[in-house]
Amino acid sequence: MKALSMKQPVPELILQGKKTIELRTWKSNFRGEFYLHASKNVIPRLMDVFKFKIEDLSQGAIVGKATIKDMKIYTEEKQFQKDADKHLVPGKMYKNPTYGYILEEPVRLEKPIPYKGQLSFFDVNLTPTKQLKLGEFK
């Protein structure tokens, strides 16, 4: 299955259902279920805004899964700002174009699985003992 690496607290916000659009500067035709990978880095501004503590968040691990339903292209800052409550990024961060991946059905893994992240979507190959089963998601 594919995975996408994100800096914390982005995957946590997705799992909590607060972030329903993930922004990228690149376009992908990928749609469907994918793993949420929490990178070893954080976004300090979001950590402060949402009052997260680093010790409460998993890093360097697969933490859950979600589904990409669709993608929208932001070509104007006004469009971008209209969806700020969904992507949680201030308008001053807008770049033309920005691609918004519309997310649904986030599900948290009961126990994060340590895994090295990569850029863009990447394939996750788990050993048979680490294969994720439906029951491992909350």
N, C-alpha and C. Protein backbone atom coordinates (compact mmCIF):
# COMPACT_ATOMS: atom_id res chain seq x y z
N MET A 1 0.85 -1.17 0.00
CA MET A 1 0.00 0.00 0.00
C MET A 1 0.90 1.23 0.00
N LYS A 2 0.38 2.33 -0.52
CA LYS A 2 1.12 3.59 -0.56
C LYS A 2 1.06 4.26 0.82
N ALA A 3 2.02 5.14 1.05
CA ALA A 3 2.05 5.95 2.26
C ALA A 3 2.47 7.36 1.88
N LEU A 4 2.16 8.30 2.74
CA LEU A 4 2.57 9.69 2.56
C LEU A 4 3.11 10.19 3.90
N SER A 5 4.32 10.70 3.86
CA SER A 5 4.97 11.20 5.07
C SER A 5 4.59 12.66 5.30
N MET A 6 4.32 12.98 6.57
CA MET A 6 3.92 14.33 6.95
C MET A 6 4.56 14.69 8.28
N LYS A 7 4.87 15.96 8.44
CA LYS A 7 5.42 16.43 9.71
C LYS A 7 4.29 16.52 10.73
N GLN A 8 4.59 16.14 11.96
CA GLN A 8 3.62 16.29 13.04
C GLN A 8 3.41 17.78 13.31
N PRO A 9 2.23 18.23 13.65
CA PRO A 9 1.05 17.45 14.02
C PRO A 9 0.08 17.17 12.88
N VAL A 10 0.52 17.29 11.61
CA VAL A 10 -0.40 17.08 10.49
C VAL A 10 -1.08 15.72 10.53
N PRO A 11 -0.35 14.59 10.65
CA PRO A 11 -1.07 13.32 10.68
C PRO A 11 -2.02 13.21 11.88
N GLU A 12 -1.64 13.78 13.00
CA GLU A 12 -2.52 13.76 14.18
C GLU A 12 -3.79 14.56 13.91
N LEU A 13 -3.67 15.71 13.27
CA LEU A 13 -4.85 16.52 12.94
C LEU A 13 -5.76 15.79 11.96
N ILE A 14 -5.18 15.05 11.03
CA ILE A 14 -5.97 14.25 10.09
C ILE A 14 -6.71 13.16 10.86
N LEU A 15 -6.00 12.46 11.74
CA LEU A 15 -6.62 11.37 12.51
C LEU A 15 -7.73 11.87 13.42
N GLN A 16 -7.61 13.10 13.90
CA GLN A 16 -8.65 13.70 14.75
C GLN A 16 -9.82 14.25 13.92
N GLY A 17 -9.69 14.23 12.60
CA GLY A 17 -10.75 14.74 11.73
C GLY A 17 -10.77 16.25 11.60
N LYS A 18 -9.76 16.93 12.10
CA LYS A 18 -9.70 18.40 12.03
C LYS A 18 -9.14 18.89 10.71
N LYS A 19 -8.28 18.11 10.09
CA LYS A 19 -7.67 18.47 8.80
C LYS A 19 -8.20 17.50 7.76
N THR A 20 -8.98 18.01 6.81
CA THR A 20 -9.61 17.15 5.80
C THR A 20 -9.07 17.39 4.39
N ILE A 21 -8.15 18.33 4.27
CA ILE A 21 -7.47 18.56 2.99
C ILE A 21 -5.97 18.64 3.27
N GLU A 22 -5.21 17.77 2.60
CA GLU A 22 -3.75 17.79 2.72
C GLU A 22 -3.19 18.52 1.50
N LEU A 23 -2.34 19.51 1.75
CA LEU A 23 -1.79 20.34 0.68
C LEU A 23 -0.42 19.86 0.23
N ARG A 24 -0.21 19.96 -1.07
CA ARG A 24 1.08 19.64 -1.66
C ARG A 24 1.33 20.60 -2.82
N THR A 25 2.60 20.74 -3.19
CA THR A 25 2.95 21.60 -4.33
C THR A 25 3.02 20.79 -5.61
N TRP A 26 2.74 19.50 -5.52
CA TRP A 26 2.81 18.62 -6.68
C TRP A 26 1.48 17.88 -6.86
N LYS A 27 1.23 17.52 -8.10
CA LYS A 27 -0.01 16.85 -8.47
C LYS A 27 0.21 15.35 -8.56
N SER A 28 -0.78 14.59 -8.13
CA SER A 28 -0.74 13.13 -8.24
C SER A 28 -2.12 12.64 -8.67
N ASN A 29 -2.12 11.59 -9.44
CA ASN A 29 -3.39 10.97 -9.85
C ASN A 29 -3.83 9.91 -8.85
N PHE A 30 -3.05 9.70 -7.79
CA PHE A 30 -3.38 8.68 -6.81
C PHE A 30 -4.67 9.02 -6.08
N ARG A 31 -5.55 8.04 -6.00
CA ARG A 31 -6.78 8.13 -5.21
C ARG A 31 -6.91 6.80 -4.47
N GLY A 32 -7.50 6.85 -3.30
CA GLY A 32 -7.72 5.63 -2.55
C GLY A 32 -7.07 5.66 -1.18
N GLU A 33 -7.03 4.49 -0.57
CA GLU A 33 -6.52 4.35 0.79
C GLU A 33 -4.99 4.40 0.82
N PHE A 34 -4.46 5.05 1.84
CA PHE A 34 -3.00 5.14 2.01
C PHE A 34 -2.68 5.24 3.50
N TYR A 35 -1.43 4.92 3.83
CA TYR A 35 -0.98 5.03 5.21
C TYR A 35 -0.52 6.46 5.51
N LEU A 36 -0.80 6.90 6.72
CA LEU A 36 -0.29 8.18 7.21
C LEU A 36 1.02 7.91 7.93
N HIS A 37 2.08 8.51 7.44
CA HIS A 37 3.39 8.35 8.05
C HIS A 37 3.77 9.65 8.75
N ALA A 38 4.07 9.58 10.02
CA ALA A 38 4.53 10.75 10.78
C ALA A 38 6.05 10.81 10.68
N SER A 39 6.56 11.89 10.08
CA SER A 39 8.01 12.03 9.94
C SER A 39 8.63 12.34 11.29
N LYS A 40 9.94 12.45 11.31
CA LYS A 40 10.65 12.77 12.55
C LYS A 40 10.70 14.27 12.81
N ASN A 41 10.16 15.06 11.89
CA ASN A 41 10.16 16.51 12.04
C ASN A 41 8.78 17.02 12.43
N VAL A 42 8.74 18.23 12.96
CA VAL A 42 7.48 18.85 13.37
C VAL A 42 7.35 20.22 12.72
N ILE A 43 6.13 20.74 12.75
CA ILE A 43 5.85 22.11 12.32
C ILE A 43 5.58 22.90 13.61
N PRO A 44 6.58 23.64 14.11
CA PRO A 44 6.44 24.31 15.41
C PRO A 44 5.20 25.21 15.52
N ARG A 45 4.87 25.94 14.46
CA ARG A 45 3.72 26.84 14.51
C ARG A 45 2.43 26.07 14.77
N LEU A 46 2.24 24.94 14.08
CA LEU A 46 1.03 24.14 14.31
C LEU A 46 1.04 23.47 15.68
N MET A 47 2.21 23.07 16.13
CA MET A 47 2.32 22.49 17.47
C MET A 47 1.81 23.49 18.50
N ASP A 48 2.20 24.75 18.34
CA ASP A 48 1.78 25.81 19.27
C ASP A 48 0.30 26.12 19.14
N VAL A 49 -0.18 26.30 17.91
CA VAL A 49 -1.58 26.67 17.68
C VAL A 49 -2.53 25.63 18.28
N PHE A 50 -2.21 24.34 18.07
CA PHE A 50 -3.09 23.28 18.54
C PHE A 50 -2.68 22.70 19.89
N LYS A 51 -1.67 23.31 20.50
CA LYS A 51 -1.23 22.96 21.85
C LYS A 51 -0.83 21.48 22.01
N PHE A 52 -0.09 20.99 21.02
CA PHE A 52 0.45 19.63 21.10
C PHE A 52 1.80 19.65 21.79
N LYS A 53 2.10 18.57 22.49
CA LYS A 53 3.43 18.38 23.07
C LYS A 53 4.11 17.28 22.27
N ILE A 54 5.36 17.50 21.93
CA ILE A 54 6.10 16.55 21.10
C ILE A 54 6.10 15.14 21.68
N GLU A 55 6.16 15.04 23.00
CA GLU A 55 6.20 13.71 23.62
C GLU A 55 4.88 12.95 23.50
N ASP A 56 3.81 13.65 23.13
CA ASP A 56 2.51 13.00 22.97
C ASP A 56 2.25 12.50 21.55
N LEU A 57 3.16 12.80 20.62
CA LEU A 57 2.95 12.46 19.22
C LEU A 57 3.99 11.46 18.73
N SER A 58 3.54 10.50 17.96
CA SER A 58 4.45 9.52 17.35
C SER A 58 5.23 10.19 16.23
N GLN A 59 6.48 9.77 16.07
CA GLN A 59 7.32 10.28 14.99
C GLN A 59 8.09 9.12 14.37
N GLY A 60 8.39 9.25 13.08
CA GLY A 60 9.13 8.20 12.39
C GLY A 60 8.37 6.89 12.34
N ALA A 61 7.04 6.97 12.12
CA ALA A 61 6.22 5.77 12.17
C ALA A 61 4.95 5.91 11.33
N ILE A 62 4.41 4.77 10.94
CA ILE A 62 3.08 4.74 10.33
C ILE A 62 2.10 4.83 11.49
N VAL A 63 1.19 5.81 11.44
CA VAL A 63 0.29 6.05 12.57
C VAL A 63 -1.18 5.78 12.26
N GLY A 64 -1.51 5.57 10.99
CA GLY A 64 -2.90 5.34 10.63
C GLY A 64 -3.06 5.24 9.13
N LYS A 65 -4.31 5.40 8.72
CA LYS A 65 -4.60 5.39 7.29
C LYS A 65 -5.75 6.34 7.02
N ALA A 66 -5.88 6.72 5.77
CA ALA A 66 -6.98 7.58 5.32
C ALA A 66 -7.21 7.28 3.85
N THR A 67 -8.23 7.91 3.29
CA THR A 67 -8.56 7.73 1.88
C THR A 67 -8.55 9.07 1.19
N ILE A 68 -7.87 9.13 0.05
CA ILE A 68 -7.93 10.33 -0.79
C ILE A 68 -9.10 10.14 -1.74
N LYS A 69 -10.11 11.00 -1.58
CA LYS A 69 -11.31 10.91 -2.40
C LYS A 69 -11.13 11.66 -3.71
N ASP A 70 -10.49 12.82 -3.64
CA ASP A 70 -10.37 13.68 -4.82
C ASP A 70 -9.24 14.67 -4.60
N MET A 71 -9.00 15.51 -5.60
CA MET A 71 -7.97 16.53 -5.51
C MET A 71 -8.51 17.81 -6.11
N LYS A 72 -8.17 18.93 -5.49
CA LYS A 72 -8.57 20.22 -6.06
C LYS A 72 -7.32 21.07 -6.24
N ILE A 73 -7.37 21.94 -7.23
CA ILE A 73 -6.23 22.82 -7.52
C ILE A 73 -6.59 24.23 -7.08
N TYR A 74 -5.74 24.81 -6.26
CA TYR A 74 -5.91 26.20 -5.85
C TYR A 74 -5.03 27.06 -6.75
N THR A 75 -5.68 27.90 -7.55
CA THR A 75 -4.93 28.79 -8.45
C THR A 75 -5.02 30.25 -8.01
N GLU A 76 -5.82 30.51 -6.98
CA GLU A 76 -5.96 31.86 -6.44
C GLU A 76 -5.96 31.80 -4.92
N GLU A 77 -5.39 32.81 -4.31
CA GLU A 77 -5.32 32.85 -2.85
C GLU A 77 -6.71 32.87 -2.22
N LYS A 78 -7.67 33.50 -2.90
CA LYS A 78 -9.04 33.57 -2.38
C LYS A 78 -9.64 32.17 -2.22
N GLN A 79 -9.44 31.31 -3.22
CA GLN A 79 -9.91 29.91 -3.13
C GLN A 79 -9.25 29.21 -1.95
N PHE A 80 -7.96 29.43 -1.84
CA PHE A 80 -7.15 28.81 -0.80
C PHE A 80 -7.66 29.21 0.58
N GLN A 81 -7.91 30.49 0.77
CA GLN A 81 -8.39 30.99 2.07
C GLN A 81 -9.78 30.47 2.40
N LYS A 82 -10.60 30.25 1.38
CA LYS A 82 -11.96 29.75 1.60
C LYS A 82 -11.95 28.38 2.29
N ASP A 83 -10.94 27.57 2.02
CA ASP A 83 -10.84 26.24 2.61
C ASP A 83 -9.89 26.17 3.80
N ALA A 84 -9.53 27.30 4.36
CA ALA A 84 -8.55 27.33 5.47
C ALA A 84 -8.98 26.46 6.65
N ASP A 85 -10.28 26.36 6.89
CA ASP A 85 -10.77 25.53 8.00
C ASP A 85 -10.63 24.03 7.72
N LYS A 86 -10.34 23.69 6.47
CA LYS A 86 -10.17 22.28 6.09
C LYS A 86 -8.70 21.89 5.98
N HIS A 87 -7.85 22.81 5.46
CA HIS A 87 -6.43 22.48 5.32
C HIS A 87 -5.57 23.06 6.44
N LEU A 88 -6.10 24.02 7.20
CA LEU A 88 -5.46 24.57 8.39
C LEU A 88 -4.14 25.30 8.12
N VAL A 89 -4.00 25.86 6.92
CA VAL A 89 -2.79 26.60 6.55
C VAL A 89 -3.19 28.04 6.27
N PRO A 90 -2.49 29.03 6.86
CA PRO A 90 -2.85 30.42 6.62
C PRO A 90 -2.62 30.83 5.16
N GLY A 91 -3.41 31.80 4.69
CA GLY A 91 -3.34 32.28 3.32
C GLY A 91 -1.97 32.77 2.91
N LYS A 92 -1.21 33.32 3.84
CA LYS A 92 0.11 33.85 3.50
C LYS A 92 1.07 32.74 3.06
N MET A 93 0.71 31.50 3.28
CA MET A 93 1.54 30.36 2.87
C MET A 93 1.18 29.88 1.45
N TYR A 94 0.21 30.54 0.81
CA TYR A 94 -0.27 30.11 -0.51
C TYR A 94 0.80 30.27 -1.59
N LYS A 95 0.89 29.26 -2.44
CA LYS A 95 1.74 29.29 -3.63
C LYS A 95 0.89 28.80 -4.80
N ASN A 96 1.05 29.41 -5.95
CA ASN A 96 0.27 29.04 -7.13
C ASN A 96 1.09 28.13 -8.03
N PRO A 97 0.60 26.94 -8.37
CA PRO A 97 -0.61 26.31 -7.85
C PRO A 97 -0.31 25.49 -6.59
N THR A 98 -1.36 25.24 -5.83
CA THR A 98 -1.29 24.34 -4.69
C THR A 98 -2.36 23.28 -4.91
N TYR A 99 -2.01 22.04 -4.60
CA TYR A 99 -2.94 20.92 -4.80
C TYR A 99 -3.46 20.45 -3.44
N GLY A 100 -4.78 20.36 -3.34
CA GLY A 100 -5.43 19.94 -2.10
C GLY A 100 -6.02 18.55 -2.25
N TYR A 101 -5.51 17.60 -1.49
CA TYR A 101 -6.01 16.23 -1.53
C TYR A 101 -7.10 16.08 -0.48
N ILE A 102 -8.30 15.77 -0.95
CA ILE A 102 -9.48 15.69 -0.08
C ILE A 102 -9.49 14.32 0.60
N LEU A 103 -9.45 14.36 1.93
CA LEU A 103 -9.30 13.15 2.74
C LEU A 103 -10.61 12.73 3.40
N GLU A 104 -10.78 11.43 3.50
CA GLU A 104 -11.93 10.85 4.20
C GLU A 104 -11.47 9.65 5.02
N GLU A 105 -12.33 9.23 5.91
CA GLU A 105 -12.18 7.98 6.66
C GLU A 105 -10.82 7.78 7.33
N PRO A 106 -10.34 8.77 8.09
CA PRO A 106 -9.08 8.54 8.80
C PRO A 106 -9.28 7.52 9.93
N VAL A 107 -8.30 6.63 10.06
CA VAL A 107 -8.36 5.60 11.10
C VAL A 107 -6.97 5.47 11.72
N ARG A 108 -6.92 5.53 13.04
CA ARG A 108 -5.67 5.47 13.78
C ARG A 108 -5.23 4.01 13.99
N LEU A 109 -3.94 3.77 13.86
CA LEU A 109 -3.39 2.47 14.22
C LEU A 109 -3.33 2.39 15.74
N GLU A 110 -3.66 1.26 16.32
CA GLU A 110 -3.58 1.13 17.77
C GLU A 110 -2.15 1.31 18.26
N LYS A 111 -1.21 0.77 17.50
CA LYS A 111 0.20 0.88 17.88
C LYS A 111 0.99 1.31 16.64
N PRO A 112 1.59 2.51 16.66
CA PRO A 112 2.38 2.97 15.51
C PRO A 112 3.49 1.99 15.16
N ILE A 113 3.79 1.90 13.88
CA ILE A 113 4.85 1.00 13.40
C ILE A 113 6.01 1.85 12.92
N PRO A 114 7.17 1.74 13.57
CA PRO A 114 8.34 2.51 13.11
C PRO A 114 8.63 2.21 11.64
N TYR A 115 8.84 3.28 10.88
CA TYR A 115 9.09 3.13 9.44
C TYR A 115 9.76 4.39 8.93
N LYS A 116 10.72 4.22 8.05
CA LYS A 116 11.44 5.37 7.48
C LYS A 116 10.59 5.99 6.38
N GLY A 117 10.40 7.30 6.45
CA GLY A 117 9.61 8.00 5.46
C GLY A 117 10.39 8.31 4.19
N GLN A 118 9.66 8.76 3.18
CA GLN A 118 10.24 9.15 1.90
C GLN A 118 9.44 10.32 1.36
N LEU A 119 9.93 10.91 0.29
CA LEU A 119 9.22 12.00 -0.37
C LEU A 119 8.11 11.44 -1.25
N SER A 120 7.07 12.23 -1.46
CA SER A 120 5.93 11.88 -2.30
C SER A 120 5.25 10.61 -1.76
N PHE A 121 4.40 9.99 -2.56
CA PHE A 121 3.81 8.72 -2.15
C PHE A 121 4.86 7.64 -2.30
N PHE A 122 4.92 6.75 -1.34
CA PHE A 122 5.90 5.68 -1.42
C PHE A 122 5.25 4.36 -1.01
N ASP A 123 5.81 3.27 -1.51
CA ASP A 123 5.28 1.95 -1.19
C ASP A 123 5.78 1.50 0.18
N VAL A 124 4.88 0.94 0.95
CA VAL A 124 5.23 0.39 2.26
C VAL A 124 5.24 -1.13 2.13
N ASN A 125 6.37 -1.70 2.42
CA ASN A 125 6.53 -3.15 2.39
C ASN A 125 6.86 -3.62 3.80
N LEU A 126 5.88 -4.19 4.45
CA LEU A 126 6.06 -4.66 5.82
C LEU A 126 6.35 -6.15 5.83
N THR A 127 7.16 -6.57 6.78
CA THR A 127 7.42 -8.00 6.94
C THR A 127 6.12 -8.68 7.35
N PRO A 128 5.98 -9.97 7.09
CA PRO A 128 4.73 -10.67 7.44
C PRO A 128 4.32 -10.47 8.90
N THR A 129 5.27 -10.35 9.81
CA THR A 129 4.91 -10.17 11.22
C THR A 129 4.39 -8.76 11.50
N LYS A 130 4.67 -7.82 10.60
CA LYS A 130 4.21 -6.45 10.80
C LYS A 130 3.06 -6.07 9.87
N GLN A 131 2.54 -7.03 9.10
CA GLN A 131 1.43 -6.73 8.21
C GLN A 131 0.27 -6.18 9.04
N LEU A 132 -0.33 -5.12 8.53
CA LEU A 132 -1.42 -4.49 9.27
C LEU A 132 -2.73 -5.22 9.01
N LYS A 133 -3.42 -5.53 10.08
CA LYS A 133 -4.70 -6.21 9.99
C LYS A 133 -5.79 -5.22 10.38
N LEU A 134 -6.98 -5.49 9.91
CA LEU A 134 -8.11 -4.60 10.19
C LEU A 134 -8.27 -4.33 11.67
N GLY A 135 -8.06 -5.31 12.52
CA GLY A 135 -8.24 -5.16 13.95
C GLY A 135 -7.21 -4.26 14.62
N GLU A 136 -6.13 -3.94 13.90
CA GLU A 136 -5.10 -3.09 14.49
C GLU A 136 -5.43 -1.61 14.36
N PHE A 137 -6.52 -1.31 13.66
CA PHE A 137 -6.96 0.07 13.54
C PHE A 137 -8.09 0.30 14.52
N LYS A 138 -8.06 1.44 15.20
CA LYS A 138 -9.10 1.75 16.19
C LYS A 138 -10.41 2.08 15.51
